[in-house]
Amino acid sequence: MRRFGLNGATTGEHVDIETDIRVAGEAGYLAVELRDTKIGRYLGSGGTLPALRGLLRDAGVEVLSINALEDSTLRTGARLEEILARCRVFCEWARALDAPYVVAVPSFLPPGAGGLGGPTEAEVRSQTVAALAAMAGVASAFGVKVGFEFLGFPACSVNTLGAARSILDDVADPTVGLVVDTFHFYAGGSRLEDLDGSRIFLVHVDDAEAGDPAGLGDAQRLLPGEGVIPLKPMIARLEAAGYRGAYSLELFRPEYWAWPPAEIARRGHDSMRRLFA
């Protein structure tokens, strides 16, 4: 039985973490990805991590990841220390909730980065490697791993699976692996032949509207099977290559946020089951 997960971004930022956990369990998901903002609000309103464990236990779901360390890679000096402090908090949460991963996403390039004043390709690579290695050092102390999720947007500093794998080669630490999002894979023009299953910790599943892939934004994400991304060949390749991790539904579509959380959770789970039928 494949493990399907529900990412808290799918229900929307306005939905609290207790609801995310409840509707995930009711819809049949085996796991959730918890958004850091929702954990922060829960703890800030008097909730505790042991109480959150109880909610997860009662719903019959486990935690896949704490998501996400944003703008995490093009950092040096004090700015790098800031993200490492944030990573430490995420890892504390992950250890308390038995989550295997914290998710880190690359920084975006500054405007006009291709010209004078922007980081060179070599600088992007070296800073990204250094940041991931530092995050791995933090995570390993907690028994947690770092899932590095490339973003397929043109302005993102790491936007293809090939580039992300190459950076992991330089990091050379098993504490760091990949999160592959089908939307970002498609939008960034990653190649199907690069999907070999190795070093992939987690797969995010989503579809997309038609149009120029490079021009797609998060609001153009769709339920699996309702868009143009060739999801079945992608998943078939992952499965054939030996990937046996979880598949998590991550949608940022405002239209879906207006639905009752139980409805988007249920329809999302149904779409995942049809995809894997």
Protein backbone atom coordinates (compact mmCIF):
# COMPACT_ATOMS: atom_id res chain seq x y z
CA MET A 1 0.00 0.00 0.00
CA ARG A 2 1.49 3.32 -1.07
CA ARG A 3 1.78 6.03 1.52
CA PHE A 4 -0.16 9.14 0.53
CA GLY A 5 0.46 12.35 2.43
CA LEU A 6 -1.35 15.66 2.68
CA ASN A 7 0.71 18.85 2.75
CA GLY A 8 -0.77 21.68 4.80
CA ALA A 9 -0.39 24.07 1.85
CA THR A 10 -3.20 22.19 0.11
CA THR A 11 -5.87 23.31 2.58
CA GLY A 12 -4.53 26.88 2.83
CA GLU A 13 -2.79 29.01 5.41
CA HIS A 14 -6.09 29.96 7.08
CA VAL A 15 -6.79 26.35 8.09
CA ASP A 16 -5.34 25.35 11.44
CA ILE A 17 -3.08 22.38 12.02
CA GLU A 18 -5.67 20.48 14.04
CA THR A 19 -8.03 20.56 11.05
CA ASP A 20 -5.27 19.47 8.64
CA ILE A 21 -4.56 16.42 10.79
CA ARG A 22 -8.22 15.53 11.28
CA VAL A 23 -9.27 15.78 7.62
CA ALA A 24 -6.16 13.89 6.51
CA GLY A 25 -7.05 10.97 8.74
CA GLU A 26 -10.71 11.02 7.72
CA ALA A 27 -9.84 11.06 4.00
CA GLY A 28 -7.52 8.07 4.30
CA TYR A 29 -4.06 9.64 4.13
CA LEU A 30 -1.40 7.85 6.13
CA ALA A 31 0.75 10.95 6.68
CA VAL A 32 0.86 14.73 6.71
CA GLU A 33 3.45 17.38 6.00
CA LEU A 34 3.17 20.09 8.62
CA ARG A 35 3.66 23.71 7.61
CA ASP A 36 5.97 25.58 9.97
CA THR A 37 3.62 28.57 10.13
CA LYS A 38 0.78 26.39 11.34
CA ILE A 39 2.95 24.71 13.97
CA GLY A 40 4.06 28.15 15.13
CA ARG A 41 0.47 29.36 15.48
CA TYR A 42 -0.53 26.20 17.33
CA LEU A 43 2.32 26.47 19.82
CA GLY A 44 1.80 30.22 20.15
CA SER A 45 -1.83 29.72 21.15
CA GLY A 46 -0.96 27.37 23.99
CA GLY A 47 -0.63 24.04 22.19
CA THR A 48 2.24 21.70 22.98
CA LEU A 49 4.23 19.20 20.96
CA PRO A 50 3.06 16.26 23.14
CA ALA A 51 -0.55 17.36 22.53
CA LEU A 52 0.15 17.53 18.81
CA ARG A 53 1.53 13.98 18.93
CA GLY A 54 -1.75 12.97 20.54
CA LEU A 55 -3.76 14.54 17.72
CA LEU A 56 -1.66 12.70 15.16
CA ARG A 57 -2.04 9.41 17.01
CA ASP A 58 -5.81 9.82 17.31
CA ALA A 59 -6.10 10.59 13.58
CA GLY A 60 -3.91 7.62 12.63
CA VAL A 61 -1.43 9.67 10.61
CA GLU A 62 2.32 10.20 10.89
CA VAL A 63 4.40 13.24 9.98
CA LEU A 64 6.47 13.14 6.79
CA SER A 65 8.17 16.51 7.09
CA ILE A 66 8.32 19.95 8.62
CA ASN A 67 7.91 22.27 5.64
CA ALA A 68 9.66 24.55 4.76
CA LEU A 69 12.94 26.41 5.26
CA GLU A 70 12.55 29.06 2.57
CA ASP A 71 15.31 31.20 1.03
CA SER A 72 17.73 28.81 2.65
CA THR A 73 20.77 28.62 0.40
CA LEU A 74 22.25 31.92 -0.83
CA ARG A 75 23.31 32.94 2.64
CA THR A 76 26.61 33.73 4.29
CA GLY A 77 27.68 35.16 7.63
CA ALA A 78 24.86 36.30 9.89
CA ARG A 79 22.20 35.39 7.34
CA LEU A 80 23.45 31.81 7.26
CA GLU A 81 23.35 31.70 11.06
CA GLU A 82 19.73 32.87 10.91
CA ILE A 83 18.67 29.94 8.72
CA LEU A 84 20.65 27.49 10.84
CA ALA A 85 18.84 28.73 13.94
CA ARG A 86 15.54 28.23 12.11
CA CYS A 87 16.68 24.79 10.98
CA ARG A 88 17.41 23.91 14.61
CA VAL A 89 13.84 24.79 15.59
CA PHE A 90 12.45 22.70 12.72
CA CYS A 91 14.62 19.77 13.78
CA GLU A 92 13.44 20.05 17.38
CA TRP A 93 9.86 19.87 16.13
CA ALA A 94 10.69 16.99 13.79
CA ARG A 95 12.33 14.94 16.54
CA ALA A 96 9.41 15.55 18.91
CA LEU A 97 6.89 14.48 16.24
CA ASP A 98 8.91 11.57 14.76
CA ALA A 99 9.20 13.33 11.40
CA PRO A 100 12.15 12.06 9.34
CA TYR A 101 12.68 15.22 7.28
CA VAL A 102 12.77 18.98 7.29
CA VAL A 103 12.35 20.51 3.83
CA ALA A 104 14.66 23.28 2.60
CA VAL A 105 14.10 25.22 -0.61
CA PRO A 106 16.65 27.27 -2.56
CA SER A 107 16.94 31.03 -2.51
CA PHE A 108 15.74 33.08 -5.45
CA LEU A 109 18.21 35.07 -7.50
CA PRO A 110 18.16 38.84 -7.07
CA PRO A 111 16.71 40.87 -9.98
CA GLY A 112 19.19 41.20 -12.79
CA ALA A 113 21.36 38.41 -11.43
CA GLY A 114 22.53 37.54 -14.91
CA GLY A 115 24.40 40.81 -15.14
CA LEU A 116 26.73 42.81 -12.92
CA GLY A 117 26.19 42.52 -9.19
CA GLY A 118 24.46 39.14 -9.13
CA PRO A 119 26.03 35.89 -7.96
CA THR A 120 27.85 33.86 -10.57
CA GLU A 121 26.90 30.24 -11.25
CA ALA A 122 29.96 29.14 -9.31
CA GLU A 123 28.98 31.33 -6.34
CA VAL A 124 25.43 29.96 -6.37
CA ARG A 125 26.78 26.44 -6.32
CA SER A 126 29.38 27.00 -3.60
CA GLN A 127 26.97 28.90 -1.32
CA THR A 128 24.24 26.30 -1.82
CA VAL A 129 26.63 23.44 -1.02
CA ALA A 130 27.92 25.24 2.07
CA ALA A 131 24.41 26.04 3.34
CA LEU A 132 23.16 22.48 2.84
CA ALA A 133 26.23 21.03 4.51
CA ALA A 134 25.70 23.34 7.48
CA MET A 135 22.01 22.40 7.71
CA ALA A 136 22.98 18.73 7.56
CA GLY A 137 25.27 19.28 10.51
CA VAL A 138 22.38 20.72 12.51
CA ALA A 139 19.90 18.03 11.43
CA SER A 140 22.17 15.06 12.11
CA ALA A 141 22.42 16.05 15.78
CA PHE A 142 18.64 15.53 16.02
CA GLY A 143 18.50 12.34 13.97
CA VAL A 144 16.69 14.23 11.18
CA LYS A 145 17.45 14.57 7.46
CA VAL A 146 17.21 17.56 5.12
CA GLY A 147 15.08 17.24 2.00
CA PHE A 148 16.27 19.73 -0.63
CA GLU A 149 13.42 20.76 -2.94
CA PHE A 150 14.41 22.53 -6.15
CA LEU A 151 11.83 25.00 -7.49
CA GLY A 152 11.18 25.11 -11.22
CA PHE A 153 10.67 28.87 -11.45
CA PRO A 154 13.16 30.65 -13.76
CA ALA A 155 14.28 33.02 -10.98
CA CYS A 156 15.07 30.23 -8.53
CA SER A 157 18.78 29.58 -8.01
CA VAL A 158 18.30 25.79 -8.34
CA ASN A 159 15.42 24.93 -10.65
CA THR A 160 16.06 21.51 -12.20
CA LEU A 161 16.52 18.02 -10.86
CA GLY A 162 19.86 17.73 -12.65
CA ALA A 163 21.22 20.86 -10.96
CA ALA A 164 19.97 19.70 -7.57
CA ARG A 165 21.57 16.27 -7.97
CA SER A 166 24.85 17.84 -8.98
CA ILE A 167 24.83 19.99 -5.84
CA LEU A 168 24.11 16.92 -3.71
CA ASP A 169 27.17 15.28 -5.27
CA ASP A 170 29.27 18.09 -3.82
CA VAL A 171 27.54 18.01 -0.44
CA ALA A 172 28.24 14.26 -0.27
CA ASP A 173 26.27 13.75 2.94
CA PRO A 174 23.53 11.09 3.25
CA THR A 175 21.71 13.42 5.65
CA VAL A 176 20.75 15.51 2.61
CA GLY A 177 18.47 14.16 -0.11
CA LEU A 178 15.93 15.38 -2.64
CA VAL A 179 12.28 16.35 -2.56
CA VAL A 180 10.91 16.11 -6.09
CA ASP A 181 7.75 18.10 -6.80
CA THR A 182 6.05 17.11 -10.05
CA PHE A 183 4.94 20.71 -10.68
CA HIS A 184 8.47 22.06 -10.28
CA PHE A 185 9.91 19.15 -12.27
CA TYR A 186 7.62 20.09 -15.16
CA ALA A 187 7.87 23.87 -14.86
CA GLY A 188 11.66 23.85 -14.77
CA GLY A 189 12.06 21.51 -17.74
CA SER A 190 13.71 18.65 -15.84
CA ARG A 191 14.31 15.49 -17.83
CA LEU A 192 12.44 12.24 -17.31
CA GLU A 193 15.68 10.28 -17.62
CA ASP A 194 17.00 12.02 -14.49
CA LEU A 195 14.28 10.40 -12.39
CA ASP A 196 16.31 7.42 -11.22
CA GLY A 197 14.91 7.12 -7.71
CA SER A 198 18.22 7.59 -5.92
CA ARG A 199 18.58 10.05 -3.04
CA ILE A 200 14.90 10.99 -3.26
CA PHE A 201 13.39 11.32 0.20
CA LEU A 202 9.91 12.49 -0.75
CA VAL A 203 7.75 13.18 -3.82
CA HIS A 204 5.18 16.00 -4.00
CA VAL A 205 2.38 15.29 -6.45
CA ASP A 206 0.40 17.96 -8.27
CA ASP A 207 -0.75 18.76 -11.78
CA ALA A 208 -0.77 22.02 -13.75
CA GLU A 209 -2.79 24.03 -16.22
CA ALA A 210 -1.80 24.18 -19.87
CA GLY A 211 0.53 26.95 -21.01
CA ASP A 212 4.20 27.78 -21.15
CA PRO A 213 5.71 25.70 -18.31
CA ALA A 214 8.24 28.42 -17.49
CA GLY A 215 5.40 30.88 -16.96
CA LEU A 216 3.41 28.77 -14.53
CA GLY A 217 2.87 29.91 -10.95
CA ASP A 218 1.65 28.13 -7.85
CA ALA A 219 -1.91 29.30 -8.50
CA GLN A 220 -1.93 27.19 -11.69
CA ARG A 221 -1.51 23.93 -9.79
CA LEU A 222 -4.30 21.39 -10.20
CA LEU A 223 -5.42 18.15 -8.63
CA PRO A 224 -3.53 15.17 -10.08
CA GLY A 225 -5.05 13.99 -13.32
CA GLU A 226 -6.78 17.31 -14.10
CA GLY A 227 -3.88 19.00 -15.90
CA VAL A 228 -1.17 18.46 -18.49
CA ILE A 229 1.78 17.08 -16.49
CA PRO A 230 2.64 13.50 -17.60
CA LEU A 231 2.29 12.14 -14.07
CA LYS A 232 1.84 8.47 -14.90
CA PRO A 233 5.15 8.16 -16.82
CA MET A 234 6.94 10.06 -14.06
CA ILE A 235 5.60 7.83 -11.31
CA ALA A 236 6.12 4.67 -13.36
CA ARG A 237 9.79 5.62 -13.76
CA LEU A 238 10.16 6.34 -10.05
CA GLU A 239 8.55 3.04 -9.11
CA ALA A 240 10.63 1.08 -11.63
CA ALA A 241 13.78 2.71 -10.24
CA GLY A 242 12.93 1.50 -6.74
CA TYR A 243 11.42 4.57 -5.09
CA ARG A 244 9.27 3.37 -2.20
CA GLY A 245 8.80 6.59 -0.27
CA ALA A 246 5.66 8.61 0.25
CA TYR A 247 3.73 10.69 -2.28
CA SER A 248 2.37 13.90 -0.80
CA LEU A 249 -0.29 16.19 -2.26
CA GLU A 250 0.92 19.79 -2.24
CA LEU A 251 -1.37 22.37 -3.86
CA PHE A 252 -1.18 26.14 -3.48
CA ARG A 253 -4.28 26.93 -5.53
CA PRO A 254 -6.45 29.73 -4.02
CA GLU A 255 -9.56 28.22 -5.62
CA TYR A 256 -9.07 25.07 -3.54
CA TRP A 257 -8.45 27.07 -0.36
CA ALA A 258 -12.05 28.31 -0.61
CA TRP A 259 -13.34 24.73 -0.40
CA PRO A 260 -14.10 23.09 2.95
CA PRO A 261 -10.84 21.43 4.11
CA ALA A 262 -12.49 18.02 4.25
CA GLU A 263 -13.55 18.35 0.60
CA ILE A 264 -10.12 19.19 -0.80
CA ALA A 265 -8.59 16.44 1.34
CA ARG A 266 -11.10 13.88 0.10
CA ARG A 267 -10.95 14.92 -3.55
CA GLY A 268 -7.17 15.02 -3.39
CA HIS A 269 -6.99 11.50 -1.98
CA ASP A 270 -9.42 10.25 -4.62
CA SER A 271 -7.29 11.79 -7.37
CA MET A 272 -4.16 10.16 -5.95
CA ARG A 273 -5.83 6.74 -5.85
CA ARG A 274 -6.94 7.10 -9.48
CA LEU A 275 -3.45 8.14 -10.50
CA PHE A 276 -1.93 5.01 -9.00
CA ALA A 277 -4.71 2.63 -10.05
